[in-house]
Amino acid sequence: MLNSHQTRLIDLRDFPTPIFSVDPEEKEGVPQLAYKLNKLFQKHDALIVSVAENNASVASCFKNTMDWVSRTQDKYEKNMFGTIFNVKSIN
């Protein structure tokens, strides 16, 4: 299926972010790695996301990172979700 498409592995360990909260955001702003990850997402037409399943939800690391990425732009839904996402939880 992906043989004719260029693929890239993105490891969230390469984009460490503090635990999301409005307090650190107000004090220090959005982490630069969240901006870098968002730009990386924007370079692709589609993303297949595979994350560990925790308590019938996605892993907290993924959720936390996406919370920060969502703060990188005013029009997050419009811009971010112009990219096709397919999220798979694996237990």
PDB file of N, CA and C in Angstrom:
ATOM      1  N   MET A   1       0.816  -1.202   0.000  1.00  0.00           N
ATOM      2  CA  MET A   1       0.000   0.000   0.000  1.00  0.00           C
ATOM      3  C   MET A   1       0.855   1.259   0.000  1.00  0.00           C
ATOM      4  N   LEU A   2       1.919   1.290   0.798  1.00  0.00           N
ATOM      5  CA  LEU A   2       2.748   2.485   0.888  1.00  0.00           C
ATOM      6  C   LEU A   2       3.992   2.411   0.004  1.00  0.00           C
ATOM      7  N   ASN A   3       4.120   1.359  -0.782  1.00  0.00           N
ATOM      8  CA  ASN A   3       5.326   1.188  -1.589  1.00  0.00           C
ATOM      9  C   ASN A   3       5.563   2.334  -2.556  1.00  0.00           C
ATOM     10  N   SER A   4       4.519   2.914  -3.087  1.00  0.00           N
ATOM     11  CA  SER A   4       4.698   3.990  -4.054  1.00  0.00           C
ATOM     12  C   SER A   4       4.670   5.374  -3.402  1.00  0.00           C
ATOM     13  N   HIS A   5       4.654   5.409  -2.079  1.00  0.00           N
ATOM     14  CA  HIS A   5       4.618   6.681  -1.367  1.00  0.00           C
ATOM     15  C   HIS A   5       5.859   6.835  -0.490  1.00  0.00           C
ATOM     16  N   GLN A   6       6.287   8.061  -0.356  1.00  0.00           N
ATOM     17  CA  GLN A   6       7.408   8.348   0.522  1.00  0.00           C
ATOM     18  C   GLN A   6       6.899   8.338   1.960  1.00  0.00           C
ATOM     19  N   THR A   7       7.618   7.666   2.847  1.00  0.00           N
ATOM     20  CA  THR A   7       7.202   7.600   4.251  1.00  0.00           C
ATOM     21  C   THR A   7       8.292   8.150   5.153  1.00  0.00           C
ATOM     22  N   ARG A   8       7.878   8.527   6.352  1.00  0.00           N
ATOM     23  CA  ARG A   8       8.819   9.051   7.343  1.00  0.00           C
ATOM     24  C   ARG A   8       8.318   8.661   8.717  1.00  0.00           C
ATOM     25  N   LEU A   9       9.211   8.184   9.558  1.00  0.00           N
ATOM     26  CA  LEU A   9       8.878   7.836  10.931  1.00  0.00           C
ATOM     27  C   LEU A   9       9.135   9.050  11.817  1.00  0.00           C
ATOM     28  N   ILE A  10       8.132   9.442  12.580  1.00  0.00           N
ATOM     29  CA  ILE A  10       8.272  10.544  13.534  1.00  0.00           C
ATOM     30  C   ILE A  10       8.172   9.935  14.924  1.00  0.00           C
ATOM     31  N   ASP A  11       9.201  10.116  15.729  1.00  0.00           N
ATOM     32  CA  ASP A  11       9.238   9.586  17.092  1.00  0.00           C
ATOM     33  C   ASP A  11       9.012  10.740  18.067  1.00  0.00           C
ATOM     34  N   LEU A  12       7.952  10.648  18.871  1.00  0.00           N
ATOM     35  CA  LEU A  12       7.644  11.741  19.800  1.00  0.00           C
ATOM     36  C   LEU A  12       8.738  11.959  20.840  1.00  0.00           C
ATOM     37  N   ARG A  13       9.589  10.968  21.045  1.00  0.00           N
ATOM     38  CA  ARG A  13      10.710  11.171  21.977  1.00  0.00           C
ATOM     39  C   ARG A  13      11.671  12.238  21.459  1.00  0.00           C
ATOM     40  N   ASP A  14      11.598  12.535  20.172  1.00  0.00           N
ATOM     41  CA  ASP A  14      12.428  13.598  19.604  1.00  0.00           C
ATOM     42  C   ASP A  14      11.814  14.980  19.811  1.00  0.00           C
ATOM     43  N   PHE A  15      10.600  15.025  20.381  1.00  0.00           N
ATOM     44  CA  PHE A  15       9.877  16.279  20.583  1.00  0.00           C
ATOM     45  C   PHE A  15       9.349  16.366  22.016  1.00  0.00           C
ATOM     46  N   PRO A  16      10.231  16.322  23.015  1.00  0.00           N
ATOM     47  CA  PRO A  16       9.759  16.357  24.406  1.00  0.00           C
ATOM     48  C   PRO A  16       9.112  17.704  24.738  1.00  0.00           C
ATOM     49  N   THR A  17       7.994  17.637  25.412  1.00  0.00           N
ATOM     50  CA  THR A  17       7.285  18.843  25.829  1.00  0.00           C
ATOM     51  C   THR A  17       6.894  18.704  27.296  1.00  0.00           C
ATOM     52  N   PRO A  18       6.789  19.822  28.014  1.00  0.00           N
ATOM     53  CA  PRO A  18       6.325  19.742  29.409  1.00  0.00           C
ATOM     54  C   PRO A  18       4.854  19.335  29.447  1.00  0.00           C
ATOM     55  N   ILE A  19       4.395  18.930  30.602  1.00  0.00           N
ATOM     56  CA  ILE A  19       2.978  18.607  30.743  1.00  0.00           C
ATOM     57  C   ILE A  19       2.171  19.860  30.441  1.00  0.00           C
ATOM     58  N   PHE A  20       1.164  19.698  29.565  1.00  0.00           N
ATOM     59  CA  PHE A  20       0.388  20.841  29.110  1.00  0.00           C
ATOM     60  C   PHE A  20      -0.426  21.461  30.239  1.00  0.00           C
ATOM     61  N   SER A  21      -0.359  22.778  30.303  1.00  0.00           N
ATOM     62  CA  SER A  21      -1.161  23.563  31.237  1.00  0.00           C
ATOM     63  C   SER A  21      -1.090  25.013  30.774  1.00  0.00           C
ATOM     64  N   VAL A  22      -2.114  25.747  31.082  1.00  0.00           N
ATOM     65  CA  VAL A  22      -2.135  27.161  30.712  1.00  0.00           C
ATOM     66  C   VAL A  22      -1.052  27.925  31.471  1.00  0.00           C
ATOM     67  N   ASP A  23      -0.749  27.524  32.702  1.00  0.00           N
ATOM     68  CA  ASP A  23       0.252  28.244  33.502  1.00  0.00           C
ATOM     69  C   ASP A  23       1.628  28.273  32.838  1.00  0.00           C
ATOM     70  N   PRO A  24       2.196  27.111  32.441  1.00  0.00           N
ATOM     71  CA  PRO A  24       3.493  27.200  31.758  1.00  0.00           C
ATOM     72  C   PRO A  24       3.400  27.916  30.410  1.00  0.00           C
ATOM     73  N   GLU A  25       2.257  27.779  29.750  1.00  0.00           N
ATOM     74  CA  GLU A  25       2.094  28.470  28.469  1.00  0.00           C
ATOM     75  C   GLU A  25       2.155  29.986  28.666  1.00  0.00           C
ATOM     76  N   GLU A  26       1.503  30.484  29.716  1.00  0.00           N
ATOM     77  CA  GLU A  26       1.517  31.925  29.979  1.00  0.00           C
ATOM     78  C   GLU A  26       2.892  32.409  30.412  1.00  0.00           C
ATOM     79  N   LYS A  27       3.617  31.587  31.171  1.00  0.00           N
ATOM     80  CA  LYS A  27       4.941  31.978  31.671  1.00  0.00           C
ATOM     81  C   LYS A  27       6.023  31.872  30.607  1.00  0.00           C
ATOM     82  N   GLU A  28       6.013  30.761  29.854  1.00  0.00           N
ATOM     83  CA  GLU A  28       7.124  30.462  28.954  1.00  0.00           C
ATOM     84  C   GLU A  28       6.735  30.381  27.490  1.00  0.00           C
ATOM     85  N   GLY A  29       5.428  30.410  27.208  1.00  0.00           N
ATOM     86  CA  GLY A  29       4.978  30.286  25.828  1.00  0.00           C
ATOM     87  C   GLY A  29       4.928  28.832  25.385  1.00  0.00           C
ATOM     88  N   VAL A  30       4.565  28.636  24.149  1.00  0.00           N
ATOM     89  CA  VAL A  30       4.479  27.297  23.572  1.00  0.00           C
ATOM     90  C   VAL A  30       5.903  26.814  23.279  1.00  0.00           C
ATOM     91  N   PRO A  31       6.211  25.565  23.645  1.00  0.00           N
ATOM     92  CA  PRO A  31       7.566  25.048  23.378  1.00  0.00           C
ATOM     93  C   PRO A  31       7.896  25.079  21.880  1.00  0.00           C
ATOM     94  N   GLN A  32       9.126  25.439  21.577  1.00  0.00           N
ATOM     95  CA  GLN A  32       9.562  25.512  20.177  1.00  0.00           C
ATOM     96  C   GLN A  32       9.457  24.167  19.470  1.00  0.00           C
ATOM     97  N   LEU A  33       9.612  23.075  20.213  1.00  0.00           N
ATOM     98  CA  LEU A  33       9.495  21.758  19.585  1.00  0.00           C
ATOM     99  C   LEU A  33       8.078  21.473  19.115  1.00  0.00           C
ATOM    100  N   ALA A  34       7.075  22.087  19.742  1.00  0.00           N
ATOM    101  CA  ALA A  34       5.690  21.932  19.278  1.00  0.00           C
ATOM    102  C   ALA A  34       5.526  22.615  17.921  1.00  0.00           C
ATOM    103  N   TYR A  35       6.137  23.776  17.748  1.00  0.00           N
ATOM    104  CA  TYR A  35       6.109  24.455  16.446  1.00  0.00           C
ATOM    105  C   TYR A  35       6.830  23.615  15.388  1.00  0.00           C
ATOM    106  N   LYS A  36       7.970  23.065  15.766  1.00  0.00           N
ATOM    107  CA  LYS A  36       8.758  22.249  14.832  1.00  0.00           C
ATOM    108  C   LYS A  36       7.962  21.010  14.399  1.00  0.00           C
ATOM    109  N   LEU A  37       7.278  20.365  15.346  1.00  0.00           N
ATOM    110  CA  LEU A  37       6.482  19.181  15.016  1.00  0.00           C
ATOM    111  C   LEU A  37       5.306  19.553  14.125  1.00  0.00           C
ATOM    112  N   ASN A  38       4.658  20.659  14.403  1.00  0.00           N
ATOM    113  CA  ASN A  38       3.538  21.103  13.571  1.00  0.00           C
ATOM    114  C   ASN A  38       4.003  21.366  12.139  1.00  0.00           C
ATOM    115  N   LYS A  39       5.145  22.001  11.976  1.00  0.00           N
ATOM    116  CA  LYS A  39       5.682  22.235  10.624  1.00  0.00           C
ATOM    117  C   LYS A  39       5.968  20.914   9.919  1.00  0.00           C
ATOM    118  N   LEU A  40       6.444  19.948  10.671  1.00  0.00           N
ATOM    119  CA  LEU A  40       6.698  18.631  10.096  1.00  0.00           C
ATOM    120  C   LEU A  40       5.393  17.980   9.648  1.00  0.00           C
ATOM    121  N   PHE A  41       4.346  18.093  10.454  1.00  0.00           N
ATOM    122  CA  PHE A  41       3.035  17.573  10.067  1.00  0.00           C
ATOM    123  C   PHE A  41       2.555  18.238   8.779  1.00  0.00           C
ATOM    124  N   GLN A  42       2.741  19.533   8.671  1.00  0.00           N
ATOM    125  CA  GLN A  42       2.240  20.290   7.529  1.00  0.00           C
ATOM    126  C   GLN A  42       2.925  19.902   6.218  1.00  0.00           C
ATOM    127  N   LYS A  43       4.100  19.325   6.306  1.00  0.00           N
ATOM    128  CA  LYS A  43       4.836  18.921   5.097  1.00  0.00           C
ATOM    129  C   LYS A  43       4.263  17.667   4.448  1.00  0.00           C
ATOM    130  N   HIS A  44       3.332  16.998   5.120  1.00  0.00           N
ATOM    131  CA  HIS A  44       2.822  15.723   4.627  1.00  0.00           C
ATOM    132  C   HIS A  44       1.348  15.827   4.242  1.00  0.00           C
ATOM    133  N   ASP A  45       0.962  15.050   3.247  1.00  0.00           N
ATOM    134  CA  ASP A  45      -0.434  15.000   2.819  1.00  0.00           C
ATOM    135  C   ASP A  45      -1.289  14.169   3.765  1.00  0.00           C
ATOM    136  N   ALA A  46      -0.675  13.194   4.412  1.00  0.00           N
ATOM    137  CA  ALA A  46      -1.415  12.306   5.312  1.00  0.00           C
ATOM    138  C   ALA A  46      -0.482  11.791   6.389  1.00  0.00           C
ATOM    139  N   LEU A  47      -1.061  11.452   7.531  1.00  0.00           N
ATOM    140  CA  LEU A  47      -0.293  10.883   8.635  1.00  0.00           C
ATOM    141  C   LEU A  47      -1.002   9.643   9.144  1.00  0.00           C
ATOM    142  N   ILE A  48      -0.242   8.591   9.353  1.00  0.00           N
ATOM    143  CA  ILE A  48      -0.755   7.410  10.033  1.00  0.00           C
ATOM    144  C   ILE A  48      -0.091   7.419  11.403  1.00  0.00           C
ATOM    145  N   VAL A  49      -0.882   7.532  12.436  1.00  0.00           N
ATOM    146  CA  VAL A  49      -0.373   7.650  13.798  1.00  0.00           C
ATOM    147  C   VAL A  49      -0.643   6.350  14.529  1.00  0.00           C
ATOM    148  N   SER A  50       0.397   5.766  15.077  1.00  0.00           N
ATOM    149  CA  SER A  50       0.263   4.535  15.855  1.00  0.00           C
ATOM    150  C   SER A  50       0.764   4.825  17.263  1.00  0.00           C
ATOM    151  N   VAL A  51      -0.128   4.733  18.231  1.00  0.00           N
ATOM    152  CA  VAL A  51       0.227   5.026  19.620  1.00  0.00           C
ATOM    153  C   VAL A  51      -0.282   3.920  20.529  1.00  0.00           C
ATOM    154  N   ALA A  52       0.337   3.808  21.675  1.00  0.00           N
ATOM    155  CA  ALA A  52      -0.113   2.833  22.665  1.00  0.00           C
ATOM    156  C   ALA A  52      -1.487   3.231  23.194  1.00  0.00           C
ATOM    157  N   GLU A  53      -2.274   2.218  23.526  1.00  0.00           N
ATOM    158  CA  GLU A  53      -3.600   2.440  24.109  1.00  0.00           C
ATOM    159  C   GLU A  53      -3.454   2.411  25.622  1.00  0.00           C
ATOM    160  N   ASN A  54      -4.014   3.410  26.279  1.00  0.00           N
ATOM    161  CA  ASN A  54      -4.033   3.470  27.737  1.00  0.00           C
ATOM    162  C   ASN A  54      -5.438   3.797  28.210  1.00  0.00           C
ATOM    163  N   ASN A  55      -6.019   2.915  28.992  1.00  0.00           N
ATOM    164  CA  ASN A  55      -7.355   3.146  29.557  1.00  0.00           C
ATOM    165  C   ASN A  55      -8.369   3.535  28.494  1.00  0.00           C
ATOM    166  N   ALA A  56      -8.391   2.801  27.403  1.00  0.00           N
ATOM    167  CA  ALA A  56      -9.338   2.989  26.300  1.00  0.00           C
ATOM    168  C   ALA A  56      -9.176   4.342  25.608  1.00  0.00           C
ATOM    169  N   SER A  57      -7.976   4.890  25.654  1.00  0.00           N
ATOM    170  CA  SER A  57      -7.704   6.162  24.990  1.00  0.00           C
ATOM    171  C   SER A  57      -6.274   6.113  24.443  1.00  0.00           C
ATOM    172  N   VAL A  58      -5.870   7.191  23.796  1.00  0.00           N
ATOM    173  CA  VAL A  58      -4.498   7.271  23.303  1.00  0.00           C
ATOM    174  C   VAL A  58      -3.556   7.512  24.471  1.00  0.00           C
ATOM    175  N   ALA A  59      -2.297   7.213  24.261  1.00  0.00           N
ATOM    176  CA  ALA A  59      -1.290   7.403  25.301  1.00  0.00           C
ATOM    177  C   ALA A  59      -1.208   8.872  25.715  1.00  0.00           C
ATOM    178  N   SER A  60      -0.983   9.087  26.989  1.00  0.00           N
ATOM    179  CA  SER A  60      -0.939  10.458  27.511  1.00  0.00           C
ATOM    180  C   SER A  60       0.168  11.277  26.866  1.00  0.00           C
ATOM    181  N   CYS A  61       1.276  10.654  26.501  1.00  0.00           N
ATOM    182  CA  CYS A  61       2.363  11.359  25.824  1.00  0.00           C
ATOM    183  C   CYS A  61       1.881  11.952  24.509  1.00  0.00           C
ATOM    184  N   PHE A  62       1.139  11.158  23.731  1.00  0.00           N
ATOM    185  CA  PHE A  62       0.601  11.637  22.458  1.00  0.00           C
ATOM    186  C   PHE A  62      -0.400  12.761  22.683  1.00  0.00           C
ATOM    187  N   LYS A  63      -1.315  12.575  23.614  1.00  0.00           N
ATOM    188  CA  LYS A  63      -2.339  13.593  23.907  1.00  0.00           C
ATOM    189  C   LYS A  63      -1.675  14.892  24.338  1.00  0.00           C
ATOM    190  N   ASN A  64      -0.694  14.798  25.219  1.00  0.00           N
ATOM    191  CA  ASN A  64       0.003  15.985  25.702  1.00  0.00           C
ATOM    192  C   ASN A  64       0.696  16.719  24.555  1.00  0.00           C
ATOM    193  N   THR A  65       1.386  15.968  23.705  1.00  0.00           N
ATOM    194  CA  THR A  65       2.079  16.581  22.573  1.00  0.00           C
ATOM    195  C   THR A  65       1.100  17.262  21.634  1.00  0.00           C
ATOM    196  N   MET A  66      -0.017  16.608  21.346  1.00  0.00           N
ATOM    197  CA  MET A  66      -1.014  17.203  20.457  1.00  0.00           C
ATOM    198  C   MET A  66      -1.664  18.435  21.087  1.00  0.00           C
ATOM    199  N   ASP A  67      -1.820  18.433  22.411  1.00  0.00           N
ATOM    200  CA  ASP A  67      -2.330  19.635  23.083  1.00  0.00           C
ATOM    201  C   ASP A  67      -1.390  20.814  22.833  1.00  0.00           C
ATOM    202  N   TRP A  68      -0.085  20.589  22.944  1.00  0.00           N
ATOM    203  CA  TRP A  68       0.864  21.668  22.681  1.00  0.00           C
ATOM    204  C   TRP A  68       0.854  22.069  21.208  1.00  0.00           C
ATOM    205  N   VAL A  69       0.829  21.106  20.315  1.00  0.00           N
ATOM    206  CA  VAL A  69       0.799  21.417  18.879  1.00  0.00           C
ATOM    207  C   VAL A  69      -0.437  22.244  18.550  1.00  0.00           C
ATOM    208  N   SER A  70      -1.544  21.940  19.212  1.00  0.00           N
ATOM    209  CA  SER A  70      -2.779  22.682  18.942  1.00  0.00           C
ATOM    210  C   SER A  70      -2.659  24.159  19.319  1.00  0.00           C
ATOM    211  N   ARG A  71      -1.707  24.489  20.167  1.00  0.00           N
ATOM    212  CA  ARG A  71      -1.530  25.878  20.604  1.00  0.00           C
ATOM    213  C   ARG A  71      -0.572  26.658  19.711  1.00  0.00           C
ATOM    214  N   THR A  72      -0.065  26.031  18.659  1.00  0.00           N
ATOM    215  CA  THR A  72       0.938  26.691  17.818  1.00  0.00           C
ATOM    216  C   THR A  72       0.341  27.630  16.782  1.00  0.00           C
ATOM    217  N   GLN A  73      -0.964  27.602  16.602  1.00  0.00           N
ATOM    218  CA  GLN A  73      -1.583  28.475  15.607  1.00  0.00           C
ATOM    219  C   GLN A  73      -3.033  28.755  15.971  1.00  0.00           C
ATOM    220  N   ASP A  74      -3.525  29.888  15.519  1.00  0.00           N
ATOM    221  CA  ASP A  74      -4.893  30.293  15.821  1.00  0.00           C
ATOM    222  C   ASP A  74      -5.927  29.416  15.134  1.00  0.00           C
ATOM    223  N   LYS A  75      -5.645  29.014  13.923  1.00  0.00           N
ATOM    224  CA  LYS A  75      -6.594  28.230  13.129  1.00  0.00           C
ATOM    225  C   LYS A  75      -6.174  26.763  13.112  1.00  0.00           C
ATOM    226  N   TYR A  76      -5.994  26.185  14.277  1.00  0.00           N
ATOM    227  CA  TYR A  76      -5.472  24.820  14.399  1.00  0.00           C
ATOM    228  C   TYR A  76      -6.285  23.812  13.604  1.00  0.00           C
ATOM    229  N   GLU A  77      -7.600  23.784  13.800  1.00  0.00           N
ATOM    230  CA  GLU A  77      -8.414  22.781  13.117  1.00  0.00           C
ATOM    231  C   GLU A  77      -8.330  22.941  11.606  1.00  0.00           C
ATOM    232  N   LYS A  78      -8.400  24.164  11.140  1.00  0.00           N
ATOM    233  CA  LYS A  78      -8.370  24.415   9.697  1.00  0.00           C
ATOM    234  C   LYS A  78      -7.035  23.993   9.098  1.00  0.00           C
ATOM    235  N   ASN A  79      -5.950  24.412   9.722  1.00  0.00           N
ATOM    236  CA  ASN A  79      -4.629  24.152   9.163  1.00  0.00           C
ATOM    237  C   ASN A  79      -4.130  22.744   9.467  1.00  0.00           C
ATOM    238  N   MET A  80      -4.259  22.326  10.703  1.00  0.00           N
ATOM    239  CA  MET A  80      -3.740  21.033  11.102  1.00  0.00           C
ATOM    240  C   MET A  80      -4.508  19.900  10.449  1.00  0.00           C
ATOM    241  N   PHE A  81      -5.806  20.015  10.439  1.00  0.00           N
ATOM    242  CA  PHE A  81      -6.599  18.916   9.949  1.00  0.00           C
ATOM    243  C   PHE A  81      -6.900  19.029   8.461  1.00  0.00           C
ATOM    244  N   GLY A  82      -6.174  19.906   7.768  1.00  0.00           N
ATOM    245  CA  GLY A  82      -6.136  19.831   6.325  1.00  0.00           C
ATOM    246  C   GLY A  82      -5.296  18.614   5.934  1.00  0.00           C
ATOM    247  N   THR A  83      -4.491  18.138   6.901  1.00  0.00           N
ATOM    248  CA  THR A  83      -3.729  16.916   6.732  1.00  0.00           C
ATOM    249  C   THR A  83      -4.612  15.747   7.157  1.00  0.00           C
ATOM    250  N   ILE A  84      -4.573  14.661   6.424  1.00  0.00           N
ATOM    251  CA  ILE A  84      -5.381  13.493   6.755  1.00  0.00           C
ATOM    252  C   ILE A  84      -4.699  12.717   7.876  1.00  0.00           C
ATOM    253  N   PHE A  85      -5.435  12.486   8.960  1.00  0.00           N
ATOM    254  CA  PHE A  85      -4.913  11.729  10.094  1.00  0.00           C
ATOM    255  C   PHE A  85      -5.614  10.380  10.159  1.00  0.00           C
ATOM    256  N   ASN A  86      -4.863   9.345  10.468  1.00  0.00           N
ATOM    257  CA  ASN A  86      -5.411   8.029  10.765  1.00  0.00           C
ATOM    258  C   ASN A  86      -4.717   7.586  12.038  1.00  0.00           C
ATOM    259  N   VAL A  87      -5.438   7.573  13.157  1.00  0.00           N
ATOM    260  CA  VAL A  87      -4.847   7.241  14.452  1.00  0.00           C
ATOM    261  C   VAL A  87      -5.210   5.811  14.822  1.00  0.00           C
ATOM    262  N   LYS A  88      -4.206   5.028  15.158  1.00  0.00           N
ATOM    263  CA  LYS A  88      -4.395   3.642  15.572  1.00  0.00           C
ATOM    264  C   LYS A  88      -3.856   3.482  16.992  1.00  0.00           C
ATOM    265  N   SER A  89      -4.698   3.003  17.901  1.00  0.00           N
ATOM    266  CA  SER A  89      -4.229   2.687  19.259  1.00  0.00           C
ATOM    267  C   SER A  89      -3.914   1.202  19.307  1.00  0.00           C
ATOM    268  N   ILE A  90      -2.789   0.895  19.904  1.00  0.00           N
ATOM    269  CA  ILE A  90      -2.327  -0.486  19.981  1.00  0.00           C
ATOM    270  C   ILE A  90      -2.138  -0.848  21.448  1.00  0.00           C
ATOM    271  N   ASN A  91      -2.685  -1.984  21.846  1.00  0.00           N
ATOM    272  CA  ASN A  91      -2.452  -2.397  23.239  1.00  0.00           C
ATOM    273  C   ASN A  91      -1.641  -3.650  23.299  1.00  0.00           C
TER     274      ASN A  91
END
